[in-house]
Amino acid sequence: MSRDSAGSSDQERLRAQVAETRGRLGDTVAELAAKTDVKAQAQAKAAEAKAQAQVKAAEATAQARHVASAAAERGRRHPGPLIAAGAVVVLLAVVLGKRCGRG
């Protein structure tokens, strides 16, 4: 191997190392810039919290619909307790209406 061939091989290897180091340095700078961007971090956390709240709201809505549907079905199958509860509400309204009317 001649001296020029070995020297050019070393130069190519050094250039490759420099290019790799520049790439890593650029990534590091980008990561540091992201860490110092408080506004972007706050927006990201807010977006994450909003997404979690939407998921929980959807789950709660689905559960409420299920409970309401089950209650309605029980009311259709056994209307007696529902009618009794309605009568109690009407009776309470009448009694409270008379008491408030006297005062």
PDB file of N, CA and C in Angstrom:
ATOM      1  N   MET A   1       0.841  -1.161   0.000  1.00  0.00           N
ATOM      2  CA  MET A   1       0.000   0.000   0.000  1.00  0.00           C
ATOM      3  C   MET A   1       0.888   1.226   0.000  1.00  0.00           C
ATOM      4  N   SER A   2       0.586   2.186  -0.810  1.00  0.00           N
ATOM      5  CA  SER A   2       1.400   3.383  -0.874  1.00  0.00           C
ATOM      6  C   SER A   2       0.993   4.346   0.223  1.00  0.00           C
ATOM      7  N   ARG A   3       1.835   5.326   0.442  1.00  0.00           N
ATOM      8  CA  ARG A   3       1.594   6.301   1.490  1.00  0.00           C
ATOM      9  C   ARG A   3       0.351   7.126   1.180  1.00  0.00           C
ATOM     10  N   ASP A   4       0.121   7.487  -0.097  1.00  0.00           N
ATOM     11  CA  ASP A   4      -1.044   8.278  -0.490  1.00  0.00           C
ATOM     12  C   ASP A   4      -2.329   7.493  -0.248  1.00  0.00           C
ATOM     13  N   SER A   5      -2.291   6.219  -0.517  1.00  0.00           N
ATOM     14  CA  SER A   5      -3.470   5.385  -0.333  1.00  0.00           C
ATOM     15  C   SER A   5      -3.836   5.304   1.142  1.00  0.00           C
ATOM     16  N   ALA A   6      -2.858   5.123   1.997  1.00  0.00           N
ATOM     17  CA  ALA A   6      -3.113   5.045   3.440  1.00  0.00           C
ATOM     18  C   ALA A   6      -3.582   6.396   3.967  1.00  0.00           C
ATOM     19  N   GLY A   7      -2.987   7.466   3.474  1.00  0.00           N
ATOM     20  CA  GLY A   7      -3.377   8.812   3.914  1.00  0.00           C
ATOM     21  C   GLY A   7      -4.791   9.147   3.501  1.00  0.00           C
ATOM     22  N   SER A   8      -5.185   8.777   2.283  1.00  0.00           N
ATOM     23  CA  SER A   8      -6.534   9.075   1.827  1.00  0.00           C
ATOM     24  C   SER A   8      -7.547   8.226   2.577  1.00  0.00           C
ATOM     25  N   SER A   9      -7.182   7.000   2.943  1.00  0.00           N
ATOM     26  CA  SER A   9      -8.069   6.139   3.725  1.00  0.00           C
ATOM     27  C   SER A   9      -8.302   6.743   5.113  1.00  0.00           C
ATOM     28  N   ASP A  10      -7.233   7.266   5.707  1.00  0.00           N
ATOM     29  CA  ASP A  10      -7.357   7.919   7.014  1.00  0.00           C
ATOM     30  C   ASP A  10      -8.230   9.163   6.917  1.00  0.00           C
ATOM     31  N   GLN A  11      -8.078   9.919   5.858  1.00  0.00           N
ATOM     32  CA  GLN A  11      -8.882  11.133   5.674  1.00  0.00           C
ATOM     33  C   GLN A  11     -10.364  10.786   5.519  1.00  0.00           C
ATOM     34  N   GLU A  12     -10.645   9.749   4.761  1.00  0.00           N
ATOM     35  CA  GLU A  12     -12.038   9.335   4.569  1.00  0.00           C
ATOM     36  C   GLU A  12     -12.652   8.887   5.895  1.00  0.00           C
ATOM     37  N   ARG A  13     -11.861   8.136   6.669  1.00  0.00           N
ATOM     38  CA  ARG A  13     -12.352   7.663   7.958  1.00  0.00           C
ATOM     39  C   ARG A  13     -12.593   8.853   8.900  1.00  0.00           C
ATOM     40  N   LEU A  14     -11.689   9.806   8.905  1.00  0.00           N
ATOM     41  CA  LEU A  14     -11.863  11.007   9.734  1.00  0.00           C
ATOM     42  C   LEU A  14     -13.089  11.808   9.294  1.00  0.00           C
ATOM     43  N   ARG A  15     -13.284  11.938   8.006  1.00  0.00           N
ATOM     44  CA  ARG A  15     -14.454  12.663   7.500  1.00  0.00           C
ATOM     45  C   ARG A  15     -15.752  11.962   7.924  1.00  0.00           C
ATOM     46  N   ALA A  16     -15.731  10.636   7.857  1.00  0.00           N
ATOM     47  CA  ALA A  16     -16.914   9.878   8.272  1.00  0.00           C
ATOM     48  C   ALA A  16     -17.179  10.085   9.763  1.00  0.00           C
ATOM     49  N   GLN A  17     -16.103  10.072  10.562  1.00  0.00           N
ATOM     50  CA  GLN A  17     -16.264  10.302  11.999  1.00  0.00           C
ATOM     51  C   GLN A  17     -16.783  11.709  12.280  1.00  0.00           C
ATOM     52  N   VAL A  18     -16.271  12.684  11.549  1.00  0.00           N
ATOM     53  CA  VAL A  18     -16.717  14.069  11.720  1.00  0.00           C
ATOM     54  C   VAL A  18     -18.194  14.188  11.356  1.00  0.00           C
ATOM     55  N   ALA A  19     -18.594  13.558  10.263  1.00  0.00           N
ATOM     56  CA  ALA A  19     -19.997  13.616   9.837  1.00  0.00           C
ATOM     57  C   ALA A  19     -20.901  12.963  10.884  1.00  0.00           C
ATOM     58  N   GLU A  20     -20.455  11.823  11.418  1.00  0.00           N
ATOM     59  CA  GLU A  20     -21.248  11.143  12.453  1.00  0.00           C
ATOM     60  C   GLU A  20     -21.343  11.999  13.717  1.00  0.00           C
ATOM     61  N   THR A  21     -20.238  12.599  14.108  1.00  0.00           N
ATOM     62  CA  THR A  21     -20.224  13.450  15.300  1.00  0.00           C
ATOM     63  C   THR A  21     -21.123  14.666  15.104  1.00  0.00           C
ATOM     64  N   ARG A  22     -21.094  15.246  13.918  1.00  0.00           N
ATOM     65  CA  ARG A  22     -21.977  16.392  13.638  1.00  0.00           C
ATOM     66  C   ARG A  22     -23.445  15.983  13.745  1.00  0.00           C
ATOM     67  N   GLY A  23     -23.768  14.824  13.236  1.00  0.00           N
ATOM     68  CA  GLY A  23     -25.145  14.338  13.319  1.00  0.00           C
ATOM     69  C   GLY A  23     -25.591  14.163  14.762  1.00  0.00           C
ATOM     70  N   ARG A  24     -24.730  13.533  15.574  1.00  0.00           N
ATOM     71  CA  ARG A  24     -25.071  13.340  16.997  1.00  0.00           C
ATOM     72  C   ARG A  24     -25.172  14.675  17.711  1.00  0.00           C
ATOM     73  N   LEU A  25     -24.274  15.595  17.392  1.00  0.00           N
ATOM     74  CA  LEU A  25     -24.306  16.914  18.011  1.00  0.00           C
ATOM     75  C   LEU A  25     -25.590  17.655  17.643  1.00  0.00           C
ATOM     76  N   GLY A  26     -25.997  17.534  16.397  1.00  0.00           N
ATOM     77  CA  GLY A  26     -27.260  18.165  15.975  1.00  0.00           C
ATOM     78  C   GLY A  26     -28.444  17.589  16.722  1.00  0.00           C
ATOM     79  N   ASP A  27     -28.459  16.261  16.917  1.00  0.00           N
ATOM     80  CA  ASP A  27     -29.538  15.624  17.680  1.00  0.00           C
ATOM     81  C   ASP A  27     -29.541  16.110  19.124  1.00  0.00           C
ATOM     82  N   THR A  28     -28.351  16.229  19.707  1.00  0.00           N
ATOM     83  CA  THR A  28     -28.237  16.676  21.095  1.00  0.00           C
ATOM     84  C   THR A  28     -28.744  18.107  21.240  1.00  0.00           C
ATOM     85  N   VAL A  29     -28.369  18.949  20.304  1.00  0.00           N
ATOM     86  CA  VAL A  29     -28.821  20.348  20.340  1.00  0.00           C
ATOM     87  C   VAL A  29     -30.345  20.409  20.222  1.00  0.00           C
ATOM     88  N   ALA A  30     -30.912  19.601  19.348  1.00  0.00           N
ATOM     89  CA  ALA A  30     -32.374  19.588  19.184  1.00  0.00           C
ATOM     90  C   ALA A  30     -33.057  19.118  20.466  1.00  0.00           C
ATOM     91  N   GLU A  31     -32.495  18.097  21.113  1.00  0.00           N
ATOM     92  CA  GLU A  31     -33.068  17.607  22.370  1.00  0.00           C
ATOM     93  C   GLU A  31     -32.998  18.668  23.463  1.00  0.00           C
ATOM     94  N   LEU A  32     -31.862  19.351  23.549  1.00  0.00           N
ATOM     95  CA  LEU A  32     -31.714  20.413  24.550  1.00  0.00           C
ATOM     96  C   LEU A  32     -32.674  21.568  24.275  1.00  0.00           C
ATOM     97  N   ALA A  33     -32.847  21.911  23.025  1.00  0.00           N
ATOM     98  CA  ALA A  33     -33.774  22.992  22.671  1.00  0.00           C
ATOM     99  C   ALA A  33     -35.197  22.608  23.047  1.00  0.00           C
ATOM    100  N   ALA A  34     -35.552  21.347  22.834  1.00  0.00           N
ATOM    101  CA  ALA A  34     -36.897  20.885  23.191  1.00  0.00           C
ATOM    102  C   ALA A  34     -37.110  20.938  24.696  1.00  0.00           C
ATOM    103  N   LYS A  35     -36.076  20.604  25.469  1.00  0.00           N
ATOM    104  CA  LYS A  35     -36.202  20.632  26.929  1.00  0.00           C
ATOM    105  C   LYS A  35     -36.350  22.051  27.464  1.00  0.00           C
ATOM    106  N   THR A  36     -35.792  23.013  26.789  1.00  0.00           N
ATOM    107  CA  THR A  36     -35.880  24.390  27.270  1.00  0.00           C
ATOM    108  C   THR A  36     -37.121  25.107  26.753  1.00  0.00           C
ATOM    109  N   ASP A  37     -37.869  24.482  25.864  1.00  0.00           N
ATOM    110  CA  ASP A  37     -39.071  25.102  25.311  1.00  0.00           C
ATOM    111  C   ASP A  37     -40.256  24.821  26.242  1.00  0.00           C
ATOM    112  N   VAL A  38     -40.403  25.660  27.253  1.00  0.00           N
ATOM    113  CA  VAL A  38     -41.415  25.460  28.289  1.00  0.00           C
ATOM    114  C   VAL A  38     -42.823  25.548  27.698  1.00  0.00           C
ATOM    115  N   LYS A  39     -43.026  26.467  26.785  1.00  0.00           N
ATOM    116  CA  LYS A  39     -44.352  26.639  26.190  1.00  0.00           C
ATOM    117  C   LYS A  39     -44.778  25.365  25.455  1.00  0.00           C
ATOM    118  N   ALA A  40     -43.870  24.794  24.684  1.00  0.00           N
ATOM    119  CA  ALA A  40     -44.193  23.576  23.944  1.00  0.00           C
ATOM    120  C   ALA A  40     -44.457  22.421  24.903  1.00  0.00           C
ATOM    121  N   GLN A  41     -43.686  22.339  25.993  1.00  0.00           N
ATOM    122  CA  GLN A  41     -43.910  21.288  26.981  1.00  0.00           C
ATOM    123  C   GLN A  41     -45.280  21.433  27.626  1.00  0.00           C
ATOM    124  N   ALA A  42     -45.649  22.668  27.969  1.00  0.00           N
ATOM    125  CA  ALA A  42     -46.957  22.915  28.588  1.00  0.00           C
ATOM    126  C   ALA A  42     -48.083  22.558  27.618  1.00  0.00           C
ATOM    127  N   GLN A  43     -47.915  22.910  26.357  1.00  0.00           N
ATOM    128  CA  GLN A  43     -48.936  22.577  25.358  1.00  0.00           C
ATOM    129  C   GLN A  43     -49.060  21.067  25.186  1.00  0.00           C
ATOM    130  N   ALA A  44     -47.928  20.375  25.200  1.00  0.00           N
ATOM    131  CA  ALA A  44     -47.962  18.917  25.054  1.00  0.00           C
ATOM    132  C   ALA A  44     -48.664  18.273  26.240  1.00  0.00           C
ATOM    133  N   LYS A  45     -48.371  18.756  27.447  1.00  0.00           N
ATOM    134  CA  LYS A  45     -49.023  18.202  28.637  1.00  0.00           C
ATOM    135  C   LYS A  45     -50.511  18.510  28.636  1.00  0.00           C
ATOM    136  N   ALA A  46     -50.870  19.705  28.191  1.00  0.00           N
ATOM    137  CA  ALA A  46     -52.286  20.076  28.121  1.00  0.00           C
ATOM    138  C   ALA A  46     -53.017  19.198  27.109  1.00  0.00           C
ATOM    139  N   ALA A  47     -52.392  18.947  25.986  1.00  0.00           N
ATOM    140  CA  ALA A  47     -53.006  18.086  24.968  1.00  0.00           C
ATOM    141  C   ALA A  47     -53.173  16.663  25.502  1.00  0.00           C
ATOM    142  N   GLU A  48     -52.182  16.192  26.237  1.00  0.00           N
ATOM    143  CA  GLU A  48     -52.266  14.847  26.817  1.00  0.00           C
ATOM    144  C   GLU A  48     -53.388  14.775  27.852  1.00  0.00           C
ATOM    145  N   ALA A  49     -53.483  15.805  28.699  1.00  0.00           N
ATOM    146  CA  ALA A  49     -54.549  15.835  29.710  1.00  0.00           C
ATOM    147  C   ALA A  49     -55.922  15.902  29.049  1.00  0.00           C
ATOM    148  N   LYS A  50     -56.020  16.675  27.981  1.00  0.00           N
ATOM    149  CA  LYS A  50     -57.293  16.785  27.264  1.00  0.00           C
ATOM    150  C   LYS A  50     -57.695  15.441  26.662  1.00  0.00           C
ATOM    151  N   ALA A  51     -56.738  14.758  26.090  1.00  0.00           N
ATOM    152  CA  ALA A  51     -57.020  13.451  25.493  1.00  0.00           C
ATOM    153  C   ALA A  51     -57.474  12.458  26.558  1.00  0.00           C
ATOM    154  N   GLN A  52     -56.802  12.475  27.708  1.00  0.00           N
ATOM    155  CA  GLN A  52     -57.195  11.578  28.800  1.00  0.00           C
ATOM    156  C   GLN A  52     -58.591  11.911  29.304  1.00  0.00           C
ATOM    157  N   ALA A  53     -58.905  13.202  29.408  1.00  0.00           N
ATOM    158  CA  ALA A  53     -60.234  13.615  29.861  1.00  0.00           C
ATOM    159  C   ALA A  53     -61.307  13.177  28.864  1.00  0.00           C
ATOM    160  N   GLN A  54     -61.010  13.275  27.585  1.00  0.00           N
ATOM    161  CA  GLN A  54     -61.971  12.848  26.568  1.00  0.00           C
ATOM    162  C   GLN A  54     -62.230  11.346  26.651  1.00  0.00           C
ATOM    163  N   VAL A  55     -61.175  10.577  26.900  1.00  0.00           N
ATOM    164  CA  VAL A  55     -61.337   9.123  27.017  1.00  0.00           C
ATOM    165  C   VAL A  55     -62.198   8.806  28.238  1.00  0.00           C
ATOM    166  N   LYS A  56     -61.900   9.451  29.370  1.00  0.00           N
ATOM    167  CA  LYS A  56     -62.673   9.198  30.592  1.00  0.00           C
ATOM    168  C   LYS A  56     -64.116   9.636  30.427  1.00  0.00           C
ATOM    169  N   ALA A  57     -64.345  10.755  29.745  1.00  0.00           N
ATOM    170  CA  ALA A  57     -65.712  11.223  29.513  1.00  0.00           C
ATOM    171  C   ALA A  57     -66.477  10.241  28.632  1.00  0.00           C
ATOM    172  N   ALA A  58     -65.818   9.726  27.621  1.00  0.00           N
ATOM    173  CA  ALA A  58     -66.471   8.744  26.740  1.00  0.00           C
ATOM    174  C   ALA A  58     -66.811   7.471  27.511  1.00  0.00           C
ATOM    175  N   GLU A  59     -65.889   7.046  28.379  1.00  0.00           N
ATOM    176  CA  GLU A  59     -66.154   5.856  29.187  1.00  0.00           C
ATOM    177  C   GLU A  59     -67.327   6.100  30.141  1.00  0.00           C
ATOM    178  N   ALA A  60     -67.354   7.274  30.782  1.00  0.00           N
ATOM    179  CA  ALA A  60     -68.435   7.594  31.713  1.00  0.00           C
ATOM    180  C   ALA A  60     -69.772   7.675  30.980  1.00  0.00           C
ATOM    181  N   THR A  61     -69.767   8.259  29.800  1.00  0.00           N
ATOM    182  CA  THR A  61     -71.000   8.358  29.009  1.00  0.00           C
ATOM    183  C   THR A  61     -71.508   6.972  28.631  1.00  0.00           C
ATOM    184  N   ALA A  62     -70.599   6.106  28.214  1.00  0.00           N
ATOM    185  CA  ALA A  62     -70.998   4.747  27.846  1.00  0.00           C
ATOM    186  C   ALA A  62     -71.567   4.005  29.053  1.00  0.00           C
ATOM    187  N   GLN A  63     -70.930   4.177  30.199  1.00  0.00           N
ATOM    188  CA  GLN A  63     -71.410   3.510  31.406  1.00  0.00           C
ATOM    189  C   GLN A  63     -72.776   4.057  31.826  1.00  0.00           C
ATOM    190  N   ALA A  64     -72.947   5.376  31.747  1.00  0.00           N
ATOM    191  CA  ALA A  64     -74.236   5.979  32.107  1.00  0.00           C
ATOM    192  C   ALA A  64     -75.339   5.484  31.174  1.00  0.00           C
ATOM    193  N   ARG A  65     -75.040   5.379  29.901  1.00  0.00           N
ATOM    194  CA  ARG A  65     -76.033   4.874  28.948  1.00  0.00           C
ATOM    195  C   ARG A  65     -76.413   3.434  29.265  1.00  0.00           C
ATOM    196  N   HIS A  66     -75.409   2.652  29.622  1.00  0.00           N
ATOM    197  CA  HIS A  66     -75.673   1.254  29.964  1.00  0.00           C
ATOM    198  C   HIS A  66     -76.562   1.157  31.202  1.00  0.00           C
ATOM    199  N   VAL A  67     -76.243   1.935  32.223  1.00  0.00           N
ATOM    200  CA  VAL A  67     -77.030   1.915  33.463  1.00  0.00           C
ATOM    201  C   VAL A  67     -78.458   2.383  33.186  1.00  0.00           C
ATOM    202  N   ALA A  68     -78.604   3.462  32.415  1.00  0.00           N
ATOM    203  CA  ALA A  68     -79.938   3.975  32.099  1.00  0.00           C
ATOM    204  C   ALA A  68     -80.736   2.960  31.294  1.00  0.00           C
ATOM    205  N   SER A  69     -80.073   2.309  30.366  1.00  0.00           N
ATOM    206  CA  SER A  69     -80.747   1.305  29.551  1.00  0.00           C
ATOM    207  C   SER A  69     -81.201   0.128  30.412  1.00  0.00           C
ATOM    208  N   ALA A  70     -80.340  -0.305  31.326  1.00  0.00           N
ATOM    209  CA  ALA A  70     -80.696  -1.414  32.216  1.00  0.00           C
ATOM    210  C   ALA A  70     -81.855  -1.018  33.125  1.00  0.00           C
ATOM    211  N   ALA A  71     -81.830   0.210  33.645  1.00  0.00           N
ATOM    212  CA  ALA A  71     -82.916   0.676  34.510  1.00  0.00           C
ATOM    213  C   ALA A  71     -84.226   0.762  33.733  1.00  0.00           C
ATOM    214  N   ALA A  72     -84.171   1.241  32.522  1.00  0.00           N
ATOM    215  CA  ALA A  72     -85.379   1.335  31.702  1.00  0.00           C
ATOM    216  C   ALA A  72     -85.947  -0.055  31.416  1.00  0.00           C
ATOM    217  N   GLU A  73     -85.061  -0.987  31.149  1.00  0.00           N
ATOM    218  CA  GLU A  73     -85.514  -2.358  30.890  1.00  0.00           C
ATOM    219  C   GLU A  73     -86.160  -2.954  32.138  1.00  0.00           C
ATOM    220  N   ARG A  74     -85.564  -2.731  33.298  1.00  0.00           N
ATOM    221  CA  ARG A  74     -86.174  -3.225  34.541  1.00  0.00           C
ATOM    222  C   ARG A  74     -87.530  -2.562  34.767  1.00  0.00           C
ATOM    223  N   GLY A  75     -87.635  -1.283  34.448  1.00  0.00           N
ATOM    224  CA  GLY A  75     -88.910  -0.576  34.600  1.00  0.00           C
ATOM    225  C   GLY A  75     -89.984  -1.130  33.686  1.00  0.00           C
ATOM    226  N   ARG A  76     -89.565  -1.538  32.484  1.00  0.00           N
ATOM    227  CA  ARG A  76     -90.537  -2.125  31.554  1.00  0.00           C
ATOM    228  C   ARG A  76     -90.988  -3.511  32.021  1.00  0.00           C
ATOM    229  N   ARG A  77     -90.060  -4.271  32.579  1.00  0.00           N
ATOM    230  CA  ARG A  77     -90.388  -5.625  33.032  1.00  0.00           C
ATOM    231  C   ARG A  77     -91.182  -5.621  34.337  1.00  0.00           C
ATOM    232  N   HIS A  78     -90.856  -4.693  35.225  1.00  0.00           N
ATOM    233  CA  HIS A  78     -91.507  -4.640  36.545  1.00  0.00           C
ATOM    234  C   HIS A  78     -91.924  -3.194  36.826  1.00  0.00           C
ATOM    235  N   PRO A  79     -93.049  -2.745  36.289  1.00  0.00           N
ATOM    236  CA  PRO A  79     -93.446  -1.349  36.439  1.00  0.00           C
ATOM    237  C   PRO A  79     -93.976  -1.007  37.837  1.00  0.00           C
ATOM    238  N   GLY A  80     -94.301  -1.967  38.661  1.00  0.00           N
ATOM    239  CA  GLY A  80     -94.867  -1.706  39.990  1.00  0.00           C
ATOM    240  C   GLY A  80     -94.013  -0.772  40.833  1.00  0.00           C
ATOM    241  N   PRO A  81     -92.722  -1.075  41.059  1.00  0.00           N
ATOM    242  CA  PRO A  81     -91.890  -0.180  41.869  1.00  0.00           C
ATOM    243  C   PRO A  81     -91.766   1.215  41.272  1.00  0.00           C
ATOM    244  N   LEU A  82     -91.755   1.299  39.947  1.00  0.00           N
ATOM    245  CA  LEU A  82     -91.657   2.602  39.293  1.00  0.00           C
ATOM    246  C   LEU A  82     -92.929   3.410  39.523  1.00  0.00           C
ATOM    247  N   ILE A  83     -94.069   2.763  39.440  1.00  0.00           N
ATOM    248  CA  ILE A  83     -95.346   3.444  39.684  1.00  0.00           C
ATOM    249  C   ILE A  83     -95.423   3.881  41.147  1.00  0.00           C
ATOM    250  N   ALA A  84     -94.982   3.016  42.068  1.00  0.00           N
ATOM    251  CA  ALA A  84     -94.993   3.356  43.486  1.00  0.00           C
ATOM    252  C   ALA A  84     -94.086   4.550  43.761  1.00  0.00           C
ATOM    253  N   ALA A  85     -92.922   4.570  43.163  1.00  0.00           N
ATOM    254  CA  ALA A  85     -92.002   5.691  43.353  1.00  0.00           C
ATOM    255  C   ALA A  85     -92.611   6.980  42.812  1.00  0.00           C
ATOM    256  N   GLY A  86     -93.273   6.893  41.685  1.00  0.00           N
ATOM    257  CA  GLY A  86     -93.937   8.073  41.124  1.00  0.00           C
ATOM    258  C   GLY A  86     -95.046   8.570  42.041  1.00  0.00           C
ATOM    259  N   ALA A  87     -95.791   7.644  42.627  1.00  0.00           N
ATOM    260  CA  ALA A  87     -96.864   8.036  43.546  1.00  0.00           C
ATOM    261  C   ALA A  87     -96.288   8.721  44.772  1.00  0.00           C
ATOM    262  N   VAL A  88     -95.171   8.228  45.279  1.00  0.00           N
ATOM    263  CA  VAL A  88     -94.528   8.861  46.438  1.00  0.00           C
ATOM    264  C   VAL A  88     -94.082  10.272  46.092  1.00  0.00           C
ATOM    265  N   VAL A  89     -93.522  10.459  44.931  1.00  0.00           N
ATOM    266  CA  VAL A  89     -93.071  11.795  44.510  1.00  0.00           C
ATOM    267  C   VAL A  89     -94.259  12.744  44.416  1.00  0.00           C
ATOM    268  N   VAL A  90     -95.356  12.280  43.832  1.00  0.00           N
ATOM    269  CA  VAL A  90     -96.552  13.125  43.715  1.00  0.00           C
ATOM    270  C   VAL A  90     -97.095  13.453  45.103  1.00  0.00           C
ATOM    271  N   LEU A  91     -97.152  12.467  45.997  1.00  0.00           N
ATOM    272  CA  LEU A  91     -97.637  12.683  47.359  1.00  0.00           C
ATOM    273  C   LEU A  91     -96.770  13.696  48.097  1.00  0.00           C
ATOM    274  N   LEU A  92     -95.458  13.569  47.970  1.00  0.00           N
ATOM    275  CA  LEU A  92     -94.555  14.534  48.603  1.00  0.00           C
ATOM    276  C   LEU A  92     -94.767  15.934  48.041  1.00  0.00           C
ATOM    277  N   ALA A  93     -94.959  16.041  46.757  1.00  0.00           N
ATOM    278  CA  ALA A  93     -95.188  17.351  46.148  1.00  0.00           C
ATOM    279  C   ALA A  93     -96.461  17.980  46.683  1.00  0.00           C
ATOM    280  N   VAL A  94     -97.500  17.193  46.839  1.00  0.00           N
ATOM    281  CA  VAL A  94     -98.763  17.717  47.357  1.00  0.00           C
ATOM    282  C   VAL A  94     -98.597  18.160  48.799  1.00  0.00           C
ATOM    283  N   VAL A  95     -97.969  17.316  49.626  1.00  0.00           N
ATOM    284  CA  VAL A  95     -97.799  17.649  51.048  1.00  0.00           C
ATOM    285  C   VAL A  95     -96.921  18.881  51.198  1.00  0.00           C
ATOM    286  N   LEU A  96     -95.828  18.919  50.485  1.00  0.00           N
ATOM    287  CA  LEU A  96     -94.931  20.089  50.592  1.00  0.00           C
ATOM    288  C   LEU A  96     -95.602  21.342  50.024  1.00  0.00           C
ATOM    289  N   GLY A  97     -96.416  21.177  49.010  1.00  0.00           N
ATOM    290  CA  GLY A  97     -97.121  22.326  48.450  1.00  0.00           C
ATOM    291  C   GLY A  97     -98.107  22.899  49.444  1.00  0.00           C
ATOM    292  N   LYS A  98     -98.792  22.053  50.191  1.00  0.00           N
ATOM    293  CA  LYS A  98     -99.748  22.539  51.187  1.00  0.00           C
ATOM    294  C   LYS A  98     -99.027  23.211  52.340  1.00  0.00           C
ATOM    295  N   ARG A  99     -97.906  22.660  52.774  1.00  0.00           N
ATOM    296  CA  ARG A  99     -97.138  23.257  53.881  1.00  0.00           C
ATOM    297  C   ARG A  99     -96.601  24.620  53.497  1.00  0.00           C
ATOM    298  N   CYS A 100     -96.054  24.719  52.289  1.00  0.00           N
ATOM    299  CA  CYS A 100     -95.506  25.990  51.836  1.00  0.00           C
ATOM    300  C   CYS A 100     -96.616  27.009  51.620  1.00  0.00           C
ATOM    301  N   GLY A 101     -97.806  26.561  51.278  1.00  0.00           N
ATOM    302  CA  GLY A 101     -98.930  27.464  51.063  1.00  0.00           C
ATOM    303  C   GLY A 101     -99.446  28.062  52.369  1.00  0.00           C
ATOM    304  N   ARG A 102     -99.298  27.367  53.488  1.00  0.00           N
ATOM    305  CA  ARG A 102     -99.742  27.844  54.793  1.00  0.00           C
ATOM    306  C   ARG A 102     -98.819  28.904  55.357  1.00  0.00           C
ATOM    307  N   GLY A 103     -97.475  28.753  55.129  1.00  0.00           N
ATOM    308  CA  GLY A 103     -96.465  29.570  55.764  1.00  0.00           C
ATOM    309  C   GLY A 103     -96.595  30.984  55.509  1.00  0.00           C
TER     310      GLY A 103
END
